[in-house]
C-alpha atoms as a PDB file:
ATOM      1  CA  UNK A   1      50.580  15.194 -25.741  1.00  0.00           C
ATOM      2  CA  UNK A   2      49.565  16.529 -29.149  1.00  0.00           C
ATOM      3  CA  UNK A   3      48.469  13.562 -31.383  1.00  0.00           C
ATOM      4  CA  UNK A   4      50.006  15.224 -34.445  1.00  0.00           C
ATOM      5  CA  UNK A   5      53.338  15.469 -32.638  1.00  0.00           C
ATOM      6  CA  UNK A   6      53.170  11.794 -31.673  1.00  0.00           C
ATOM      7  CA  UNK A   7      52.536  10.875 -35.312  1.00  0.00           C
ATOM      8  CA  UNK A   8      55.572  12.848 -36.426  1.00  0.00           C
ATOM      9  CA  UNK A   9      57.602  11.260 -33.641  1.00  0.00           C
ATOM     10  CA  UNK A  10      56.774   7.765 -34.911  1.00  0.00           C
ATOM     11  CA  UNK A  11      57.134   8.692 -38.581  1.00  0.00           C
ATOM     12  CA  UNK A  12      60.698  10.044 -38.477  1.00  0.00           C
ATOM     13  CA  UNK A  13      62.377   6.695 -37.607  1.00  0.00           C
ATOM     14  CA  UNK A  14      60.266   4.999 -40.308  1.00  0.00           C
ATOM     15  CA  UNK A  15      61.449   7.471 -42.951  1.00  0.00           C
ATOM     16  CA  UNK A  16      65.075   6.998 -41.885  1.00  0.00           C
ATOM     17  CA  UNK A  17      64.730   3.219 -42.144  1.00  0.00           C
ATOM     18  CA  UNK A  18      63.224   3.480 -45.646  1.00  0.00           C
ATOM     19  CA  UNK A  19      66.014   5.815 -46.808  1.00  0.00           C
ATOM     20  CA  UNK A  20      68.677   3.535 -45.324  1.00  0.00           C
ATOM     21  CA  UNK A  21      67.095   0.514 -46.985  1.00  0.00           C
ATOM     22  CA  UNK A  22      67.054   2.218 -50.393  1.00  0.00           C
ATOM     23  CA  UNK A  23      70.694   3.224 -50.031  1.00  0.00           C
ATOM     24  CA  UNK A  24      71.711  -0.272 -48.948  1.00  0.00           C
ATOM     25  CA  UNK A  25      69.957  -1.876 -51.914  1.00  0.00           C
ATOM     26  CA  UNK A  26      71.562   0.606 -54.292  1.00  0.00           C
ATOM     27  CA  UNK A  27      74.997  -0.396 -53.032  1.00  0.00           C
ATOM     28  CA  UNK A  28      74.286  -4.105 -53.141  1.00  0.00           C
ATOM     29  CA  UNK A  29      74.385  -4.687 -49.381  1.00  0.00           C
ATOM     30  CA  UNK A  30      72.004  -7.289 -47.960  1.00  0.00           C
ATOM     31  CA  UNK A  31      69.653  -5.871 -45.335  1.00  0.00           C
ATOM     32  CA  UNK A  32      69.111  -9.014 -43.304  1.00  0.00           C
ATOM     33  CA  UNK A  33      72.344 -10.838 -42.597  1.00  0.00           C
ATOM     34  CA  UNK A  34      71.506 -14.492 -42.018  1.00  0.00           C
ATOM     35  CA  UNK A  35      74.651 -15.946 -43.573  1.00  0.00           C
ATOM     36  CA  UNK A  36      76.689 -17.444 -40.717  1.00  0.00           C
ATOM     37  CA  UNK A  37      79.896 -16.640 -42.605  1.00  0.00           C
ATOM     38  CA  UNK A  38      79.250 -12.944 -42.040  1.00  0.00           C
ATOM     39  CA  UNK A  39      80.467 -11.265 -38.884  1.00  0.00           C
ATOM     40  CA  UNK A  40      78.405  -8.144 -39.474  1.00  0.00           C
ATOM     41  CA  UNK A  41      75.775  -7.217 -36.933  1.00  0.00           C
ATOM     42  CA  UNK A  42      75.503  -6.652 -33.197  1.00  0.00           C
ATOM     43  CA  UNK A  43      76.962  -9.003 -30.631  1.00  0.00           C
ATOM     44  CA  UNK A  44      76.290  -9.332 -26.913  1.00  0.00           C
ATOM     45  CA  UNK A  45      79.604 -10.241 -25.309  1.00  0.00           C
ATOM     46  CA  UNK A  46      80.634 -11.671 -21.949  1.00  0.00           C
ATOM     47  CA  UNK A  47      84.182 -11.056 -20.740  1.00  0.00           C
ATOM     48  CA  UNK A  48      85.976 -13.422 -18.359  1.00  0.00           C
ATOM     49  CA  UNK A  49      88.871 -12.614 -16.022  1.00  0.00           C
ATOM     50  CA  UNK A  50      89.887 -13.660 -12.503  1.00  0.00           C
ATOM     51  CA  UNK A  51      86.922 -16.011 -12.228  1.00  0.00           C
ATOM     52  CA  UNK A  52      84.387 -13.224 -12.879  1.00  0.00           C
ATOM     53  CA  UNK A  53      82.048 -12.340 -15.743  1.00  0.00           C
ATOM     54  CA  UNK A  54      81.640  -8.843 -17.209  1.00  0.00           C
ATOM     55  CA  UNK A  55      79.219  -7.557 -19.870  1.00  0.00           C
ATOM     56  CA  UNK A  56      80.409  -6.039 -23.128  1.00  0.00           C
ATOM     57  CA  UNK A  57      79.050  -5.344 -26.630  1.00  0.00           C
ATOM     58  CA  UNK A  58      80.237  -5.174 -30.236  1.00  0.00           C
ATOM     59  CA  UNK A  59      78.783  -3.875 -33.496  1.00  0.00           C
ATOM     60  CA  UNK A  60      80.383  -4.511 -36.901  1.00  0.00           C
ATOM     61  CA  UNK A  61      79.102  -2.963 -40.120  1.00  0.00           C
ATOM     62  CA  UNK A  62      80.091  -1.965 -43.656  1.00  0.00           C
ATOM     63  CA  UNK A  63      81.735   1.322 -44.523  1.00  0.00           C
ATOM     64  CA  UNK A  64      81.687   1.760 -48.276  1.00  0.00           C
ATOM     65  CA  UNK A  65      82.250  -1.389 -50.310  1.00  0.00           C
ATOM     66  CA  UNK A  66      85.431  -2.882 -48.811  1.00  0.00           C
ATOM     67  CA  UNK A  67      85.855  -1.858 -45.183  1.00  0.00           C
ATOM     68  CA  UNK A  68      84.354  -3.013 -41.913  1.00  0.00           C
ATOM     69  CA  UNK A  69      84.047  -0.568 -39.000  1.00  0.00           C
ATOM     70  CA  UNK A  70      82.132  -0.692 -35.749  1.00  0.00           C
ATOM     71  CA  UNK A  71      81.565   0.225 -32.118  1.00  0.00           C
ATOM     72  CA  UNK A  72      82.673  -1.488 -28.942  1.00  0.00           C
ATOM     73  CA  UNK A  73      81.406  -1.156 -25.368  1.00  0.00           C
ATOM     74  CA  UNK A  74      83.790  -2.354 -22.689  1.00  0.00           C
ATOM     75  CA  UNK A  75      82.982  -3.038 -19.028  1.00  0.00           C
ATOM     76  CA  UNK A  76      83.129   0.692 -18.297  1.00  0.00           C
ATOM     77  CA  UNK A  77      83.043   3.829 -20.399  1.00  0.00           C
ATOM     78  CA  UNK A  78      80.969   4.755 -23.421  1.00  0.00           C
ATOM     79  CA  UNK A  79      80.625   3.205 -26.876  1.00  0.00           C
ATOM     80  CA  UNK A  80      84.003   3.416 -28.617  1.00  0.00           C
ATOM     81  CA  UNK A  81      84.303   3.779 -32.405  1.00  0.00           C
ATOM     82  CA  UNK A  82      86.350   1.145 -34.239  1.00  0.00           C
ATOM     83  CA  UNK A  83      88.022   2.653 -37.299  1.00  0.00           C
ATOM     84  CA  UNK A  84      88.768  -0.711 -38.928  1.00  0.00           C
ATOM     85  CA  UNK A  85      87.759  -4.308 -38.255  1.00  0.00           C
ATOM     86  CA  UNK A  86      89.916  -6.936 -39.950  1.00  0.00           C
ATOM     87  CA  UNK A  87      87.995 -10.048 -41.006  1.00  0.00           C
ATOM     88  CA  UNK A  88      89.517 -12.922 -42.977  1.00  0.00           C
ATOM     89  CA  UNK A  89      89.073 -16.685 -42.901  1.00  0.00           C
ATOM     90  CA  UNK A  90      86.612 -16.440 -40.038  1.00  0.00           C
ATOM     91  CA  UNK A  91      88.929 -14.381 -37.823  1.00  0.00           C
ATOM     92  CA  UNK A  92      88.466 -10.797 -36.633  1.00  0.00           C
ATOM     93  CA  UNK A  93      90.867  -8.342 -35.066  1.00  0.00           C
ATOM     94  CA  UNK A  94      90.885  -4.657 -34.204  1.00  0.00           C
ATOM     95  CA  UNK A  95      92.560  -2.180 -31.884  1.00  0.00           C
ATOM     96  CA  UNK A  96      91.216   0.687 -29.771  1.00  0.00           C
ATOM     97  CA  UNK A  97      92.837   3.524 -27.862  1.00  0.00           C
ATOM     98  CA  UNK A  98      92.222   3.576 -24.095  1.00  0.00           C
ATOM     99  CA  UNK A  99      89.314   5.634 -22.780  1.00  0.00           C
ATOM    100  CA  UNK A 100      89.187   5.719 -18.960  1.00  0.00           C
ATOM    101  CA  UNK A 101      91.733   2.970 -18.430  1.00  0.00           C
ATOM    102  CA  UNK A 102      95.329   3.297 -17.265  1.00  0.00           C
ATOM    103  CA  UNK A 103      98.215   2.504 -19.600  1.00  0.00           C
ATOM    104  CA  UNK A 104      99.333   3.927 -22.932  1.00  0.00           C
ATOM    105  CA  UNK A 105      98.896   0.896 -25.172  1.00  0.00           C
ATOM    106  CA  UNK A 106      95.940   0.297 -27.452  1.00  0.00           C
ATOM    107  CA  UNK A 107      93.378  -2.365 -26.630  1.00  0.00           C
ATOM    108  CA  UNK A 108      93.950  -5.444 -28.783  1.00  0.00           C
ATOM    109  CA  UNK A 109      90.954  -7.626 -29.654  1.00  0.00           C
ATOM    110  CA  UNK A 110      90.973 -10.915 -31.579  1.00  0.00           C
ATOM    111  CA  UNK A 111      88.171 -13.373 -32.230  1.00  0.00           C
ATOM    112  CA  UNK A 112      86.977 -16.357 -34.232  1.00  0.00           C
ATOM    113  CA  UNK A 113      83.547 -16.695 -35.842  1.00  0.00           C
ATOM    114  CA  UNK A 114      82.065 -20.167 -35.374  1.00  0.00           C
ATOM    115  CA  UNK A 115      78.547 -20.484 -36.678  1.00  0.00           C
ATOM    116  CA  UNK A 116      76.464 -17.919 -34.838  1.00  0.00           C
ATOM    117  CA  UNK A 117      78.935 -17.269 -32.048  1.00  0.00           C
ATOM    118  CA  UNK A 118      82.190 -15.399 -31.518  1.00  0.00           C
ATOM    119  CA  UNK A 119      84.978 -16.292 -29.122  1.00  0.00           C
ATOM    120  CA  UNK A 120      88.203 -14.460 -28.527  1.00  0.00           C
ATOM    121  CA  UNK A 121      90.691 -12.602 -26.380  1.00  0.00           C
ATOM    122  CA  UNK A 122      91.198  -8.986 -25.337  1.00  0.00           C
ATOM    123  CA  UNK A 123      94.262  -7.259 -23.913  1.00  0.00           C
ATOM    124  CA  UNK A 124      93.689  -3.848 -22.316  1.00  0.00           C
ATOM    125  CA  UNK A 125      95.884  -0.753 -22.416  1.00  0.00           C
ATOM    126  CA  UNK A 126      97.398  -1.779 -19.077  1.00  0.00           C
ATOM    127  CA  UNK A 127      98.034  -5.379 -20.218  1.00  0.00           C
ATOM    128  CA  UNK A 128      95.136  -7.073 -18.447  1.00  0.00           C
ATOM    129  CA  UNK A 129      93.962 -10.204 -20.279  1.00  0.00           C
ATOM    130  CA  UNK A 130      90.373 -11.287 -20.869  1.00  0.00           C
ATOM    131  CA  UNK A 131      88.770 -14.118 -22.768  1.00  0.00           C
ATOM    132  CA  UNK A 132      85.302 -13.532 -24.164  1.00  0.00           C
ATOM    133  CA  UNK A 133      82.414 -15.068 -26.009  1.00  0.00           C
ATOM    134  CA  UNK A 134      79.606 -13.456 -27.934  1.00  0.00           C
ATOM    135  CA  UNK A 135      76.166 -14.256 -29.296  1.00  0.00           C
ATOM    136  CA  UNK A 136      74.156 -12.289 -31.821  1.00  0.00           C
ATOM    137  CA  UNK A 137      72.151  -9.592 -30.074  1.00  0.00           C
ATOM    138  CA  UNK A 138      68.371  -9.942 -30.300  1.00  0.00           C
ATOM    139  CA  UNK A 139      66.570  -7.499 -32.601  1.00  0.00           C
ATOM    140  CA  UNK A 140      63.924  -6.679 -29.957  1.00  0.00           C
ATOM    141  CA  UNK A 141      61.708  -5.279 -32.689  1.00  0.00           C
ATOM    142  CA  UNK A 142      58.026  -5.294 -31.828  1.00  0.00           C
ATOM    143  CA  UNK A 143      54.865  -3.258 -32.378  1.00  0.00           C
ATOM    144  CA  UNK A 144      54.624  -0.143 -30.249  1.00  0.00           C
ATOM    145  CA  UNK A 145      53.174  -0.976 -26.838  1.00  0.00           C
ATOM    146  CA  UNK A 146      49.682   0.459 -26.389  1.00  0.00           C
ATOM    147  CA  UNK A 147      48.322  -1.486 -23.401  1.00  0.00           C
ATOM    148  CA  UNK A 148      49.686  -0.767 -19.943  1.00  0.00           C
ATOM    149  CA  UNK A 149      49.253  -2.414 -16.588  1.00  0.00           C
ATOM    150  CA  UNK A 150      48.882  -0.954 -13.141  1.00  0.00           C
ATOM    151  CA  UNK A 151      51.489   1.633 -12.039  1.00  0.00           C
ATOM    152  CA  UNK A 152      53.981   0.391  -9.444  1.00  0.00           C
ATOM    153  CA  UNK A 153      55.468   2.800  -6.899  1.00  0.00           C
ATOM    154  CA  UNK A 154      58.968   1.348  -6.621  1.00  0.00           C
ATOM    155  CA  UNK A 155      60.088   3.602  -3.756  1.00  0.00           C
ATOM    156  CA  UNK A 156      57.663   3.853  -0.828  1.00  0.00           C
ATOM    157  CA  UNK A 157      59.193   7.030   0.572  1.00  0.00           C
ATOM    158  CA  UNK A 158      60.034   5.589   3.995  1.00  0.00           C
ATOM    159  CA  UNK A 159      62.610   2.803   3.571  1.00  0.00           C
ATOM    160  CA  UNK A 160      64.589   0.768   1.018  1.00  0.00           C
ATOM    161  CA  UNK A 161      62.102  -2.090   0.750  1.00  0.00           C
ATOM    162  CA  UNK A 162      62.185  -3.463  -2.808  1.00  0.00           C
ATOM    163  CA  UNK A 163      65.804  -2.422  -3.401  1.00  0.00           C
ATOM    164  CA  UNK A 164      69.254  -3.806  -2.693  1.00  0.00           C
ATOM    165  CA  UNK A 165      72.703  -2.229  -2.806  1.00  0.00           C
ATOM    166  CA  UNK A 166      75.548  -3.682  -4.853  1.00  0.00           C
ATOM    167  CA  UNK A 167      78.064  -3.473  -2.053  1.00  0.00           C
ATOM    168  CA  UNK A 168      78.239  -1.579   1.233  1.00  0.00           C
ATOM    169  CA  UNK A 169      75.063   0.486   1.355  1.00  0.00           C
ATOM    170  CA  UNK A 170      75.133   4.267   1.713  1.00  0.00           C
ATOM    171  CA  UNK A 171      71.537   4.855   0.498  1.00  0.00           C
ATOM    172  CA  UNK A 172      68.946   6.172   2.963  1.00  0.00           C
ATOM    173  CA  UNK A 173      65.271   7.102   2.871  1.00  0.00           C
ATOM    174  CA  UNK A 174      64.767  10.582   4.269  1.00  0.00           C
ATOM    175  CA  UNK A 175      61.962  13.153   3.960  1.00  0.00           C
ATOM    176  CA  UNK A 176      60.283  11.119   1.206  1.00  0.00           C
ATOM    177  CA  UNK A 177      63.445  10.903  -0.904  1.00  0.00           C
ATOM    178  CA  UNK A 178      65.868   8.118  -1.719  1.00  0.00           C
ATOM    179  CA  UNK A 179      69.288   9.629  -0.990  1.00  0.00           C
ATOM    180  CA  UNK A 180      72.889   8.726  -1.639  1.00  0.00           C
ATOM    181  CA  UNK A 181      74.767  11.317   0.455  1.00  0.00           C
ATOM    182  CA  UNK A 182      78.154  10.282  -0.933  1.00  0.00           C
ATOM    183  CA  UNK A 183      79.690   8.072  -3.597  1.00  0.00           C
ATOM    184  CA  UNK A 184      79.204   4.397  -2.848  1.00  0.00           C
ATOM    185  CA  UNK A 185      77.231   1.409  -4.088  1.00  0.00           C
ATOM    186  CA  UNK A 186      74.743   1.337  -6.934  1.00  0.00           C
ATOM    187  CA  UNK A 187      71.136   0.491  -6.029  1.00  0.00           C
ATOM    188  CA  UNK A 188      69.077  -2.154  -7.854  1.00  0.00           C
ATOM    189  CA  UNK A 189      65.344  -2.871  -7.775  1.00  0.00           C
ATOM    190  CA  UNK A 190      64.314  -6.349  -6.632  1.00  0.00           C
ATOM    191  CA  UNK A 191      61.771  -6.563  -9.458  1.00  0.00           C
ATOM    192  CA  UNK A 192      62.650  -6.964 -13.140  1.00  0.00           C
ATOM    193  CA  UNK A 193      60.762  -5.607 -16.134  1.00  0.00           C
ATOM    194  CA  UNK A 194      60.590  -5.821 -19.905  1.00  0.00           C
ATOM    195  CA  UNK A 195      58.694  -2.925 -21.522  1.00  0.00           C
ATOM    196  CA  UNK A 196      57.460  -0.060 -19.366  1.00  0.00           C
ATOM    197  CA  UNK A 197      56.820   3.606 -18.763  1.00  0.00           C
ATOM    198  CA  UNK A 198      58.866   5.201 -15.991  1.00  0.00           C
ATOM    199  CA  UNK A 199      58.375   8.456 -14.123  1.00  0.00           C
ATOM    200  CA  UNK A 200      61.303   9.412 -11.909  1.00  0.00           C
ATOM    201  CA  UNK A 201      62.349  12.624 -10.166  1.00  0.00           C
ATOM    202  CA  UNK A 202      65.914  13.451  -9.187  1.00  0.00           C
ATOM    203  CA  UNK A 203      68.100  16.154  -7.696  1.00  0.00           C
ATOM    204  CA  UNK A 204      71.869  16.516  -7.519  1.00  0.00           C
ATOM    205  CA  UNK A 205      74.313  19.066  -6.083  1.00  0.00           C
ATOM    206  CA  UNK A 206      76.628  21.068  -8.333  1.00  0.00           C
ATOM    207  CA  UNK A 207      79.056  18.880 -10.258  1.00  0.00           C
ATOM    208  CA  UNK A 208      77.478  15.546  -9.318  1.00  0.00           C
ATOM    209  CA  UNK A 209      76.668  12.618 -11.566  1.00  0.00           C
ATOM    210  CA  UNK A 210      74.301   9.642 -11.555  1.00  0.00           C
ATOM    211  CA  UNK A 211      72.225   7.630 -13.995  1.00  0.00           C
ATOM    212  CA  UNK A 212      69.285   5.246 -14.314  1.00  0.00           C
ATOM    213  CA  UNK A 213      69.916   1.919 -16.089  1.00  0.00           C
ATOM    214  CA  UNK A 214      66.779   0.610 -17.814  1.00  0.00           C
ATOM    215  CA  UNK A 215      66.583  -3.190 -17.494  1.00  0.00           C
ATOM    216  CA  UNK A 216      69.937  -2.766 -15.776  1.00  0.00           C
ATOM    217  CA  UNK A 217      71.582  -2.326 -19.198  1.00  0.00           C
ATOM    218  CA  UNK A 218      70.842   1.045 -20.810  1.00  0.00           C
ATOM    219  CA  UNK A 219      71.962   4.134 -18.910  1.00  0.00           C
ATOM    220  CA  UNK A 220      69.920   7.315 -19.082  1.00  0.00           C
ATOM    221  CA  UNK A 221      72.487   9.866 -17.984  1.00  0.00           C
ATOM    222  CA  UNK A 222      71.929  12.193 -15.034  1.00  0.00           C
ATOM    223  CA  UNK A 223      74.641  14.805 -14.527  1.00  0.00           C
ATOM    224  CA  UNK A 224      74.965  18.515 -13.795  1.00  0.00           C
ATOM    225  CA  UNK A 225      74.576  19.899 -17.345  1.00  0.00           C
ATOM    226  CA  UNK A 226      72.934  23.336 -17.138  1.00  0.00           C
ATOM    227  CA  UNK A 227      74.060  25.522 -20.057  1.00  0.00           C
ATOM    228  CA  UNK A 228      76.012  22.755 -21.806  1.00  0.00           C
ATOM    229  CA  UNK A 229      75.585  21.188 -25.237  1.00  0.00           C
ATOM    230  CA  UNK A 230      73.085  18.328 -25.801  1.00  0.00           C
ATOM    231  CA  UNK A 231      75.467  15.356 -25.817  1.00  0.00           C
ATOM    232  CA  UNK A 232      74.954  11.662 -25.147  1.00  0.00           C
ATOM    233  CA  UNK A 233      77.157  11.840 -22.056  1.00  0.00           C
ATOM    234  CA  UNK A 234      75.161  14.658 -20.473  1.00  0.00           C
ATOM    235  CA  UNK A 235      71.679  14.989 -19.008  1.00  0.00           C
ATOM    236  CA  UNK A 236      68.979  13.565 -21.264  1.00  0.00           C
ATOM    237  CA  UNK A 237      71.330  11.281 -23.197  1.00  0.00           C
ATOM    238  CA  UNK A 238      71.565   7.513 -23.533  1.00  0.00           C
ATOM    239  CA  UNK A 239      75.179   7.214 -22.480  1.00  0.00           C
ATOM    240  CA  UNK A 240      77.492   6.980 -25.466  1.00  0.00           C
ATOM    241  CA  UNK A 241      74.697   6.307 -27.972  1.00  0.00           C
ATOM    242  CA  UNK A 242      71.884   8.883 -28.238  1.00  0.00           C
ATOM    243  CA  UNK A 243      72.117  12.642 -27.698  1.00  0.00           C
ATOM    244  CA  UNK A 244      69.057  14.630 -26.607  1.00  0.00           C
ATOM    245  CA  UNK A 245      67.629  17.068 -29.145  1.00  0.00           C
ATOM    246  CA  UNK A 246      68.204  19.941 -26.718  1.00  0.00           C
ATOM    247  CA  UNK A 247      69.736  20.454 -23.296  1.00  0.00           C
ATOM    248  CA  UNK A 248      66.960  21.085 -20.758  1.00  0.00           C
ATOM    249  CA  UNK A 249      68.887  20.619 -17.503  1.00  0.00           C
ATOM    250  CA  UNK A 250      67.896  22.832 -14.605  1.00  0.00           C
ATOM    251  CA  UNK A 251      70.226  24.374 -12.052  1.00  0.00           C
ATOM    252  CA  UNK A 252      71.903  21.972  -9.653  1.00  0.00           C
ATOM    253  CA  UNK A 253      69.840  21.664  -6.485  1.00  0.00           C
ATOM    254  CA  UNK A 254      66.474  21.781  -8.290  1.00  0.00           C
ATOM    255  CA  UNK A 255      64.203  18.756  -8.641  1.00  0.00           C
ATOM    256  CA  UNK A 256      64.018  17.472 -12.219  1.00  0.00           C
ATOM    257  CA  UNK A 257      61.954  14.791 -13.985  1.00  0.00           C
ATOM    258  CA  UNK A 258      62.265  12.044 -16.554  1.00  0.00           C
ATOM    259  CA  UNK A 259      59.291  10.356 -18.209  1.00  0.00           C
ATOM    260  CA  UNK A 260      60.585   7.387 -20.171  1.00  0.00           C
ATOM    261  CA  UNK A 261      58.883   4.875 -22.461  1.00  0.00           C
ATOM    262  CA  UNK A 262      60.891   1.759 -23.325  1.00  0.00           C
ATOM    263  CA  UNK A 263      59.512  -0.773 -25.833  1.00  0.00           C
ATOM    264  CA  UNK A 264      62.003  -3.324 -27.112  1.00  0.00           C
ATOM    265  CA  UNK A 265      64.993  -1.170 -28.039  1.00  0.00           C
ATOM    266  CA  UNK A 266      62.940   1.934 -28.759  1.00  0.00           C
ATOM    267  CA  UNK A 267      63.020   4.764 -26.245  1.00  0.00           C
ATOM    268  CA  UNK A 268      61.193   8.038 -25.872  1.00  0.00           C
ATOM    269  CA  UNK A 269      62.485  10.384 -23.192  1.00  0.00           C
ATOM    270  CA  UNK A 270      60.704  13.455 -21.867  1.00  0.00           C
ATOM    271  CA  UNK A 271      63.062  15.486 -19.659  1.00  0.00           C
ATOM    272  CA  UNK A 272      61.633  18.301 -17.566  1.00  0.00           C
ATOM    273  CA  UNK A 273      58.499  18.302 -19.710  1.00  0.00           C
ATOM    274  CA  UNK A 274      60.237  18.381 -23.115  1.00  0.00           C
ATOM    275  CA  UNK A 275      60.617  15.444 -25.487  1.00  0.00           C
ATOM    276  CA  UNK A 276      64.361  15.206 -26.116  1.00  0.00           C
ATOM    277  CA  UNK A 277      64.521  11.651 -27.529  1.00  0.00           C
ATOM    278  CA  UNK A 278      61.653  10.547 -29.728  1.00  0.00           C
ATOM    279  CA  UNK A 279      61.229   6.814 -30.448  1.00  0.00           C
ATOM    280  CA  UNK A 280      64.933   6.170 -31.072  1.00  0.00           C
ATOM    281  CA  UNK A 281      66.695   2.802 -31.060  1.00  0.00           C
ATOM    282  CA  UNK A 282      69.205   1.970 -28.338  1.00  0.00           C
ATOM    283  CA  UNK A 283      71.840  -0.065 -30.233  1.00  0.00           C
ATOM    284  CA  UNK A 284      73.170  -2.043 -27.267  1.00  0.00           C
ATOM    285  CA  UNK A 285      74.171  -2.094 -23.635  1.00  0.00           C
ATOM    286  CA  UNK A 286      76.024   0.853 -22.140  1.00  0.00           C
ATOM    287  CA  UNK A 287      79.145   0.741 -19.972  1.00  0.00           C
ATOM    288  CA  UNK A 288      78.425  -0.319 -16.405  1.00  0.00           C
ATOM    289  CA  UNK A 289      75.516  -2.593 -17.348  1.00  0.00           C
ATOM    290  CA  UNK A 290      74.599  -5.470 -15.051  1.00  0.00           C
ATOM    291  CA  UNK A 291      74.859  -7.999 -17.873  1.00  0.00           C
ATOM    292  CA  UNK A 292      74.625  -8.340 -21.653  1.00  0.00           C
ATOM    293  CA  UNK A 293      71.564 -10.621 -21.709  1.00  0.00           C
ATOM    294  CA  UNK A 294      69.437  -8.257 -23.758  1.00  0.00           C
ATOM    295  CA  UNK A 295      66.738 -10.819 -24.425  1.00  0.00           C
ATOM    296  CA  UNK A 296      65.845 -11.008 -20.717  1.00  0.00           C
ATOM    297  CA  UNK A 297      63.846  -8.701 -18.426  1.00  0.00           C
ATOM    298  CA  UNK A 298      65.941  -6.607 -16.081  1.00  0.00           C
ATOM    299  CA  UNK A 299      65.709  -4.352 -13.026  1.00  0.00           C
ATOM    300  CA  UNK A 300      66.228  -0.641 -12.600  1.00  0.00           C
ATOM    301  CA  UNK A 301      69.737   0.248 -11.491  1.00  0.00           C
ATOM    302  CA  UNK A 302      70.393   3.663  -9.958  1.00  0.00           C
ATOM    303  CA  UNK A 303      73.990   4.803 -10.072  1.00  0.00           C
ATOM    304  CA  UNK A 304      75.391   5.775  -6.698  1.00  0.00           C
ATOM    305  CA  UNK A 305      79.143   5.677  -7.298  1.00  0.00           C
ATOM    306  CA  UNK A 306      79.619   9.098  -8.954  1.00  0.00           C
ATOM    307  CA  UNK A 307      78.576  11.553  -6.241  1.00  0.00           C
ATOM    308  CA  UNK A 308      75.606  12.602  -4.070  1.00  0.00           C
ATOM    309  CA  UNK A 309      72.120  12.322  -5.573  1.00  0.00           C
ATOM    310  CA  UNK A 310      68.463  12.080  -4.522  1.00  0.00           C
ATOM    311  CA  UNK A 311      65.439  10.401  -6.125  1.00  0.00           C
ATOM    312  CA  UNK A 312      61.722  10.422  -5.398  1.00  0.00           C
ATOM    313  CA  UNK A 313      58.379   9.459  -6.985  1.00  0.00           C
ATOM    314  CA  UNK A 314      59.760   6.450  -8.836  1.00  0.00           C
ATOM    315  CA  UNK A 315      56.680   5.061 -10.603  1.00  0.00           C
ATOM    316  CA  UNK A 316      56.907   2.315 -13.217  1.00  0.00           C
ATOM    317  CA  UNK A 317      53.995   1.184 -15.378  1.00  0.00           C
ATOM    318  CA  UNK A 318      54.694  -2.184 -17.047  1.00  0.00           C
ATOM    319  CA  UNK A 319      53.291  -3.185 -20.417  1.00  0.00           C
ATOM    320  CA  UNK A 320      50.491  -5.734 -20.332  1.00  0.00           C
END
């Protein structure tokens, strides 16, 4: 890769941060919220219902001088914008329209800030009740990784050793490829990782859909997208958060490649030989994540519940 291009790639986020900082100071907003009375920031949430735990995520921030707005990630679906967050006397509340869920009612969310934690309730559009608790999400800011370990071939080309299905398994190893011939269970690597480089090749039939979850939490979307706009929900996007700079999807039925570098929250994605995301921050977990424990290492999760898909040459290089 051209060194000058890499320098520009790293410089753009720095410039944006400096501009944002200057604007924030001009408007009198503190940049580092350490006051426990403030609810602003990012929160890793855990939902509870029917004796089970589900990951979720919340971001609350200023809009202008008087309003709080945000984003919310539920158990499924993409990041949902919150037009107004009410916050008074340590209590928050907001509503959201349904996304993929049944029912015509808005989601209703209420919570209480206690020190550095949030607890609350959520009622969905179809009247299902959840309790939840949240902790402040880790910053995951660190110097760019420059030292890498030995590459690990996660799929051996002959069987599913090193992987396990989340449910009844439909995955098979055939002709050097890892195949899901129909919708079924997601597939998870036995090993977990923190920072890494990942090379992965994939192929899907027309109209199919899959995805690769980095650390089991951040979905890089894989979906038939030839000729479509570069959107976060299409090929090359971080689902619901980051859109690729251009749409480089090939025709369905052709093998395609991702080369991904993940360091903390920062991701660079090269799709089919073109850099479409350049050192951008992933704000939080995406819908369908394994958990919301962002401070921990996590596995690769390959989505197998949205249609047929094949993978091969899955090579991960961990940071030293």
